[in-house]
């Protein structure tokens, strides 16, 4: 009931409820933002989040309220997610990766597109053409015109953009190849070449120069080709095709994408940015085992995209979620910067 007071002049004034007070007893935007924040940023299961809030607030918080908060937040931050998608499509360099996720007991895929300042996670169902279909639905790669950094998964090459392969993946594969026998030392030499090139690129960026010295690049190309030739000699074609054969072919056929980071200093050596942004999805599955519904998984990904992007912009995450709950979602507008070492 609203409070009423009569003035000495006879005028009766009644207090007004805040717009978000839609029922005699309801949770305000700060509490609803905190509920979504605890579940998505700190991966608390519904029951534990409800218990924590009940203890902190001194009033019982129903698990149903907690369960619905992430979906409510996802609806309110839709303009933010749309802005992230547009900015990613316009980025000069972006990272892409994917990981499996369990939804209602079935395998689904979470795809990430991200930069140093933007994160977008989009979940889609398993499909016979899940790679290209999922990436099209995510809405970034179909409109993307920059350099796509990824792990060489074949669907990425369906897009007519410049590609750069993750050096960290290649180093792991070369290490595995070197461990197959004493005659595979070419792989160790190629690791040294890639790490040396990474050092040159890092030094050039630190010095503020636009490119690596051409003489160094020429020496790099010669060493790269020489060690690949050693690899082919140590692994002649035969009836049994091994992972080492496939690696050598990839390093040969994709050498431009492997070494793109040496000629374009805006391109990083690895795809670690995408792997870091996906890691929280794995942590969520460890704590709660997956999602019961596709809608719940999609809501988590949307809110996680909002939280991760806000953190990258050094925006107060909980405050941004609260603003979204009041109908004023935060929108990222900062242009994506070039990669810095």
Foldseek 3Di string as FASTA:
>chain_A
DWDWDADPVGDIDTDDDDPQCPDPDDDALLVLLVLLCCCQVVVDPLVVSQVVCCVVVVHGDDSVSSLCSLLLLLVLCVVQLVLLLVLLQEAQEKEKDKDWFAEQNDIWMWIWIGALQFIAIAIDGDDPPCLLVVVVVSNRQVSHAHEYEYQPDPVSVVGPHHYAYFLVNLLVLLVVQVVPDVLSCLSVQVNVLLVVLLVQLQVCVVVVHFAGPPVSVVVSVVSLVVSLVSLCVSPPDDPDDDVSNVSSVCCVVVVCNQCVCRGGVLDHNGSVVRVVLCVSVVVSCVNPVGHHHPSSVRSSSSLSRQQVNCVSVVHDSSVQSSCSSVSRHDHDDDRRDRDHD
